[in-house]
Amino acid sequence: MSTERTVELHGGPLDGQTVPVTLDDEDAWTAIISDGCAYPGGRSVYAPDPAGRWVWEQDVPWEAL
């Protein structure tokens, strides 16, 4: 059974937006299409920090995912 919840994103191009995430993976992260991404067509990657806030990690080109 998957565990899904809505989280608020902090930092990066999607700061303040909320998105649904699935929390089943021990190394949870989410990559989201973003107009503010440094790479056209790329994704902005967010992951939970030790306090549980979902913070911007980096922008990556689509082909690197």
PDB file of N, CA and C in Angstrom:
ATOM      1  N   MET A   1       0.843  -1.171   0.000  1.00  0.00           N
ATOM      2  CA  MET A   1       0.000   0.000   0.000  1.00  0.00           C
ATOM      3  C   MET A   1       0.893   1.240   0.000  1.00  0.00           C
ATOM      4  N   SER A   2       0.656   2.147  -0.920  1.00  0.00           N
ATOM      5  CA  SER A   2       1.494   3.341  -1.000  1.00  0.00           C
ATOM      6  C   SER A   2       0.963   4.435  -0.077  1.00  0.00           C
ATOM      7  N   THR A   3       1.881   5.227   0.413  1.00  0.00           N
ATOM      8  CA  THR A   3       1.535   6.344   1.285  1.00  0.00           C
ATOM      9  C   THR A   3       1.722   7.625   0.495  1.00  0.00           C
ATOM     10  N   GLU A   4       0.635   8.344   0.246  1.00  0.00           N
ATOM     11  CA  GLU A   4       0.714   9.588  -0.515  1.00  0.00           C
ATOM     12  C   GLU A   4       0.221  10.726   0.358  1.00  0.00           C
ATOM     13  N   ARG A   5       0.895  11.872   0.209  1.00  0.00           N
ATOM     14  CA  ARG A   5       0.436  13.082   0.887  1.00  0.00           C
ATOM     15  C   ARG A   5       0.845  14.292   0.069  1.00  0.00           C
ATOM     16  N   THR A   6       0.274  15.421   0.402  1.00  0.00           N
ATOM     17  CA  THR A   6       0.598  16.669  -0.275  1.00  0.00           C
ATOM     18  C   THR A   6       1.654  17.394   0.538  1.00  0.00           C
ATOM     19  N   VAL A   7       2.702  17.868  -0.147  1.00  0.00           N
ATOM     20  CA  VAL A   7       3.779  18.580   0.538  1.00  0.00           C
ATOM     21  C   VAL A   7       3.979  19.949  -0.102  1.00  0.00           C
ATOM     22  N   GLU A   8       4.504  20.889   0.676  1.00  0.00           N
ATOM     23  CA  GLU A   8       4.855  22.206   0.152  1.00  0.00           C
ATOM     24  C   GLU A   8       6.330  22.197  -0.222  1.00  0.00           C
ATOM     25  N   LEU A   9       6.646  22.778  -1.386  1.00  0.00           N
ATOM     26  CA  LEU A   9       8.025  22.837  -1.866  1.00  0.00           C
ATOM     27  C   LEU A   9       8.684  24.122  -1.387  1.00  0.00           C
ATOM     28  N   HIS A  10       9.966  24.023  -1.028  1.00  0.00           N
ATOM     29  CA  HIS A  10      10.713  25.166  -0.506  1.00  0.00           C
ATOM     30  C   HIS A  10      11.953  25.411  -1.362  1.00  0.00           C
ATOM     31  N   GLY A  11      12.173  26.667  -1.734  1.00  0.00           N
ATOM     32  CA  GLY A  11      13.336  27.043  -2.529  1.00  0.00           C
ATOM     33  C   GLY A  11      13.133  26.712  -3.997  1.00  0.00           C
ATOM     34  N   GLY A  12      14.089  27.063  -4.814  1.00  0.00           N
ATOM     35  CA  GLY A  12      14.031  26.744  -6.232  1.00  0.00           C
ATOM     36  C   GLY A  12      12.869  27.413  -6.949  1.00  0.00           C
ATOM     37  N   PRO A  13      12.624  27.006  -8.200  1.00  0.00           N
ATOM     38  CA  PRO A  13      11.621  27.677  -9.024  1.00  0.00           C
ATOM     39  C   PRO A  13      10.176  27.387  -8.618  1.00  0.00           C
ATOM     40  N   LEU A  14       9.933  26.390  -7.792  1.00  0.00           N
ATOM     41  CA  LEU A  14       8.562  26.035  -7.405  1.00  0.00           C
ATOM     42  C   LEU A  14       8.258  26.363  -5.947  1.00  0.00           C
ATOM     43  N   ASP A  15       9.024  27.264  -5.363  1.00  0.00           N
ATOM     44  CA  ASP A  15       8.868  27.629  -3.957  1.00  0.00           C
ATOM     45  C   ASP A  15       7.419  27.987  -3.636  1.00  0.00           C
ATOM     46  N   GLY A  16       6.878  27.347  -2.606  1.00  0.00           N
ATOM     47  CA  GLY A  16       5.532  27.646  -2.153  1.00  0.00           C
ATOM     48  C   GLY A  16       4.437  26.806  -2.786  1.00  0.00           C
ATOM     49  N   GLN A  17       4.729  26.116  -3.866  1.00  0.00           N
ATOM     50  CA  GLN A  17       3.719  25.274  -4.494  1.00  0.00           C
ATOM     51  C   GLN A  17       3.548  23.982  -3.702  1.00  0.00           C
ATOM     52  N   THR A  18       2.376  23.378  -3.823  1.00  0.00           N
ATOM     53  CA  THR A  18       2.132  22.093  -3.179  1.00  0.00           C
ATOM     54  C   THR A  18       1.936  21.024  -4.250  1.00  0.00           C
ATOM     55  N   VAL A  19       2.442  19.830  -3.964  1.00  0.00           N
ATOM     56  CA  VAL A  19       2.339  18.703  -4.889  1.00  0.00           C
ATOM     57  C   VAL A  19       2.094  17.416  -4.111  1.00  0.00           C
ATOM     58  N   PRO A  20       1.415  16.441  -4.726  1.00  0.00           N
ATOM     59  CA  PRO A  20       1.277  15.141  -4.079  1.00  0.00           C
ATOM     60  C   PRO A  20       2.537  14.320  -4.295  1.00  0.00           C
ATOM     61  N   VAL A  21       2.992  13.619  -3.270  1.00  0.00           N
ATOM     62  CA  VAL A  21       4.157  12.739  -3.374  1.00  0.00           C
ATOM     63  C   VAL A  21       3.834  11.399  -2.735  1.00  0.00           C
ATOM     64  N   THR A  22       4.478  10.346  -3.231  1.00  0.00           N
ATOM     65  CA  THR A  22       4.359   9.017  -2.651  1.00  0.00           C
ATOM     66  C   THR A  22       5.584   8.787  -1.787  1.00  0.00           C
ATOM     67  N   LEU A  23       5.385   8.359  -0.558  1.00  0.00           N
ATOM     68  CA  LEU A  23       6.472   8.284   0.412  1.00  0.00           C
ATOM     69  C   LEU A  23       6.990   6.869   0.650  1.00  0.00           C
ATOM     70  N   ASP A  24       6.785   5.940  -0.278  1.00  0.00           N
ATOM     71  CA  ASP A  24       7.190   4.549  -0.083  1.00  0.00           C
ATOM     72  C   ASP A  24       8.693   4.332  -0.155  1.00  0.00           C
ATOM     73  N   ASP A  25       9.413   5.130  -0.915  1.00  0.00           N
ATOM     74  CA  ASP A  25      10.841   4.944  -1.137  1.00  0.00           C
ATOM     75  C   ASP A  25      11.636   5.520   0.035  1.00  0.00           C
ATOM     76  N   GLU A  26      12.628   4.786   0.510  1.00  0.00           N
ATOM     77  CA  GLU A  26      13.481   5.299   1.583  1.00  0.00           C
ATOM     78  C   GLU A  26      14.271   6.526   1.141  1.00  0.00           C
ATOM     79  N   ASP A  27      14.564   6.625  -0.158  1.00  0.00           N
ATOM     80  CA  ASP A  27      15.285   7.766  -0.722  1.00  0.00           C
ATOM     81  C   ASP A  27      14.299   8.586  -1.552  1.00  0.00           C
ATOM     82  N   ALA A  28      13.304   9.143  -0.877  1.00  0.00           N
ATOM     83  CA  ALA A  28      12.223   9.847  -1.578  1.00  0.00           C
ATOM     84  C   ALA A  28      12.704  11.140  -2.219  1.00  0.00           C
ATOM     85  N   TRP A  29      12.191  11.403  -3.414  1.00  0.00           N
ATOM     86  CA  TRP A  29      12.407  12.670  -4.103  1.00  0.00           C
ATOM     87  C   TRP A  29      11.361  12.784  -5.192  1.00  0.00           C
ATOM     88  N   THR A  30      11.200  13.973  -5.743  1.00  0.00           N
ATOM     89  CA  THR A  30      10.276  14.173  -6.844  1.00  0.00           C
ATOM     90  C   THR A  30      10.905  15.127  -7.842  1.00  0.00           C
ATOM     91  N   ALA A  31      10.713  14.866  -9.119  1.00  0.00           N
ATOM     92  CA  ALA A  31      11.213  15.736 -10.184  1.00  0.00           C
ATOM     93  C   ALA A  31      10.005  16.279 -10.932  1.00  0.00           C
ATOM     94  N   ILE A  32       9.900  17.594 -11.029  1.00  0.00           N
ATOM     95  CA  ILE A  32       8.715  18.238 -11.551  1.00  0.00           C
ATOM     96  C   ILE A  32       9.083  19.156 -12.708  1.00  0.00           C
ATOM     97  N   ILE A  33       8.297  19.096 -13.785  1.00  0.00           N
ATOM     98  CA  ILE A  33       8.482  20.030 -14.905  1.00  0.00           C
ATOM     99  C   ILE A  33       8.312  21.440 -14.357  1.00  0.00           C
ATOM    100  N   SER A  34       9.201  22.319 -14.722  1.00  0.00           N
ATOM    101  CA  SER A  34       9.149  23.674 -14.198  1.00  0.00           C
ATOM    102  C   SER A  34       9.582  24.674 -15.252  1.00  0.00           C
ATOM    103  N   ASP A  35       8.790  25.745 -15.421  1.00  0.00           N
ATOM    104  CA  ASP A  35       9.179  26.814 -16.349  1.00  0.00           C
ATOM    105  C   ASP A  35      10.447  27.508 -15.884  1.00  0.00           C
ATOM    106  N   GLY A  36      10.734  27.444 -14.582  1.00  0.00           N
ATOM    107  CA  GLY A  36      11.918  28.105 -14.046  1.00  0.00           C
ATOM    108  C   GLY A  36      13.155  27.227 -14.023  1.00  0.00           C
ATOM    109  N   CYS A  37      13.036  26.003 -14.536  1.00  0.00           N
ATOM    110  CA  CYS A  37      14.169  25.075 -14.542  1.00  0.00           C
ATOM    111  C   CYS A  37      15.298  25.633 -15.398  1.00  0.00           C
ATOM    112  N   ALA A  38      16.516  25.374 -15.004  1.00  0.00           N
ATOM    113  CA  ALA A  38      17.689  25.864 -15.734  1.00  0.00           C
ATOM    114  C   ALA A  38      17.854  25.193 -17.101  1.00  0.00           C
ATOM    115  N   TYR A  39      17.187  24.059 -17.318  1.00  0.00           N
ATOM    116  CA  TYR A  39      17.309  23.312 -18.569  1.00  0.00           C
ATOM    117  C   TYR A  39      15.954  23.254 -19.269  1.00  0.00           C
ATOM    118  N   PRO A  40      15.846  23.770 -20.505  1.00  0.00           N
ATOM    119  CA  PRO A  40      14.567  23.688 -21.214  1.00  0.00           C
ATOM    120  C   PRO A  40      14.081  22.235 -21.281  1.00  0.00           C
ATOM    121  N   GLY A  41      12.853  21.996 -20.824  1.00  0.00           N
ATOM    122  CA  GLY A  41      12.312  20.643 -20.806  1.00  0.00           C
ATOM    123  C   GLY A  41      12.803  19.808 -19.643  1.00  0.00           C
ATOM    124  N   GLY A  42      13.657  20.371 -18.807  1.00  0.00           N
ATOM    125  CA  GLY A  42      14.210  19.636 -17.672  1.00  0.00           C
ATOM    126  C   GLY A  42      13.264  19.607 -16.494  1.00  0.00           C
ATOM    127  N   ARG A  43      13.783  19.154 -15.373  1.00  0.00           N
ATOM    128  CA  ARG A  43      12.989  19.007 -14.161  1.00  0.00           C
ATOM    129  C   ARG A  43      13.697  19.660 -12.973  1.00  0.00           C
ATOM    130  N   SER A  44      12.886  20.160 -12.062  1.00  0.00           N
ATOM    131  CA  SER A  44      13.395  20.663 -10.790  1.00  0.00           C
ATOM    132  C   SER A  44      13.217  19.543  -9.777  1.00  0.00           C
ATOM    133  N   VAL A  45      14.292  19.186  -9.095  1.00  0.00           N
ATOM    134  CA  VAL A  45      14.275  18.053  -8.166  1.00  0.00           C
ATOM    135  C   VAL A  45      14.163  18.570  -6.732  1.00  0.00           C
ATOM    136  N   TYR A  46      13.193  18.006  -6.005  1.00  0.00           N
ATOM    137  CA  TYR A  46      12.970  18.334  -4.595  1.00  0.00           C
ATOM    138  C   TYR A  46      13.037  17.050  -3.782  1.00  0.00           C
ATOM    139  N   ALA A  47      13.548  17.149  -2.558  1.00  0.00           N
ATOM    140  CA  ALA A  47      13.637  15.988  -1.670  1.00  0.00           C
ATOM    141  C   ALA A  47      13.438  16.463  -0.230  1.00  0.00           C
ATOM    142  N   PRO A  48      13.014  15.564   0.655  1.00  0.00           N
ATOM    143  CA  PRO A  48      12.821  15.975   2.046  1.00  0.00           C
ATOM    144  C   PRO A  48      14.165  16.157   2.758  1.00  0.00           C
ATOM    145  N   ASP A  49      14.249  17.223   3.561  1.00  0.00           N
ATOM    146  CA  ASP A  49      15.441  17.415   4.384  1.00  0.00           C
ATOM    147  C   ASP A  49      15.239  16.664   5.702  1.00  0.00           C
ATOM    148  N   PRO A  50      16.228  16.673   6.613  1.00  0.00           N
ATOM    149  CA  PRO A  50      16.090  15.932   7.873  1.00  0.00           C
ATOM    150  C   PRO A  50      14.873  16.357   8.712  1.00  0.00           C
ATOM    151  N   ALA A  51      14.414  17.593   8.542  1.00  0.00           N
ATOM    152  CA  ALA A  51      13.253  18.073   9.294  1.00  0.00           C
ATOM    153  C   ALA A  51      11.934  17.717   8.604  1.00  0.00           C
ATOM    154  N   GLY A  52      11.999  17.141   7.386  1.00  0.00           N
ATOM    155  CA  GLY A  52      10.791  16.748   6.674  1.00  0.00           C
ATOM    156  C   GLY A  52      10.270  17.767   5.681  1.00  0.00           C
ATOM    157  N   ARG A  53      10.945  18.933   5.574  1.00  0.00           N
ATOM    158  CA  ARG A  53      10.550  19.928   4.565  1.00  0.00           C
ATOM    159  C   ARG A  53      11.064  19.482   3.212  1.00  0.00           C
ATOM    160  N   TRP A  54      10.272  19.655   2.169  1.00  0.00           N
ATOM    161  CA  TRP A  54      10.692  19.287   0.815  1.00  0.00           C
ATOM    162  C   TRP A  54      11.397  20.485   0.193  1.00  0.00           C
ATOM    163  N   VAL A  55      12.717  20.380   0.003  1.00  0.00           N
ATOM    164  CA  VAL A  55      13.541  21.494  -0.455  1.00  0.00           C
ATOM    165  C   VAL A  55      14.140  21.201  -1.827  1.00  0.00           C
ATOM    166  N   TRP A  56      14.390  22.286  -2.560  1.00  0.00           N
ATOM    167  CA  TRP A  56      14.981  22.187  -3.888  1.00  0.00           C
ATOM    168  C   TRP A  56      16.400  21.657  -3.776  1.00  0.00           C
ATOM    169  N   GLU A  57      16.726  20.671  -4.606  1.00  0.00           N
ATOM    170  CA  GLU A  57      18.064  20.080  -4.643  1.00  0.00           C
ATOM    171  C   GLU A  57      18.857  20.590  -5.840  1.00  0.00           C
ATOM    172  N   GLN A  58      18.245  20.513  -7.022  1.00  0.00           N
ATOM    173  CA  GLN A  58      18.924  20.912  -8.253  1.00  0.00           C
ATOM    174  C   GLN A  58      17.953  20.856  -9.424  1.00  0.00           C
ATOM    175  N   ASP A  59      18.357  21.441 -10.537  1.00  0.00           N
ATOM    176  CA  ASP A  59      17.657  21.283 -11.807  1.00  0.00           C
ATOM    177  C   ASP A  59      18.467  20.309 -12.650  1.00  0.00           C
ATOM    178  N   VAL A  60      17.786  19.440 -13.378  1.00  0.00           N
ATOM    179  CA  VAL A  60      18.487  18.451 -14.209  1.00  0.00           C
ATOM    180  C   VAL A  60      17.837  18.381 -15.586  1.00  0.00           C
ATOM    181  N   PRO A  61      18.651  18.119 -16.623  1.00  0.00           N
ATOM    182  CA  PRO A  61      18.077  17.930 -17.955  1.00  0.00           C
ATOM    183  C   PRO A  61      17.221  16.658 -17.975  1.00  0.00           C
ATOM    184  N   TRP A  62      16.216  16.637 -18.811  1.00  0.00           N
ATOM    185  CA  TRP A  62      15.315  15.483 -18.908  1.00  0.00           C
ATOM    186  C   TRP A  62      16.079  14.187 -19.115  1.00  0.00           C
ATOM    187  N   GLU A  63      17.057  14.186 -19.992  1.00  0.00           N
ATOM    188  CA  GLU A  63      17.761  12.949 -20.318  1.00  0.00           C
ATOM    189  C   GLU A  63      18.628  12.423 -19.166  1.00  0.00           C
ATOM    190  N   ALA A  64      18.838  13.211 -18.123  1.00  0.00           N
ATOM    191  CA  ALA A  64      19.650  12.764 -16.995  1.00  0.00           C
ATOM    192  C   ALA A  64      18.821  12.042 -15.922  1.00  0.00           C
ATOM    193  N   LEU A  65      17.507  12.054 -16.068  1.00  0.00           N
ATOM    194  CA  LEU A  65      16.660  11.388 -15.063  1.00  0.00           C
ATOM    195  C   LEU A  65      16.546   9.906 -15.335  1.00  0.00           C
TER     196      LEU A  65
END
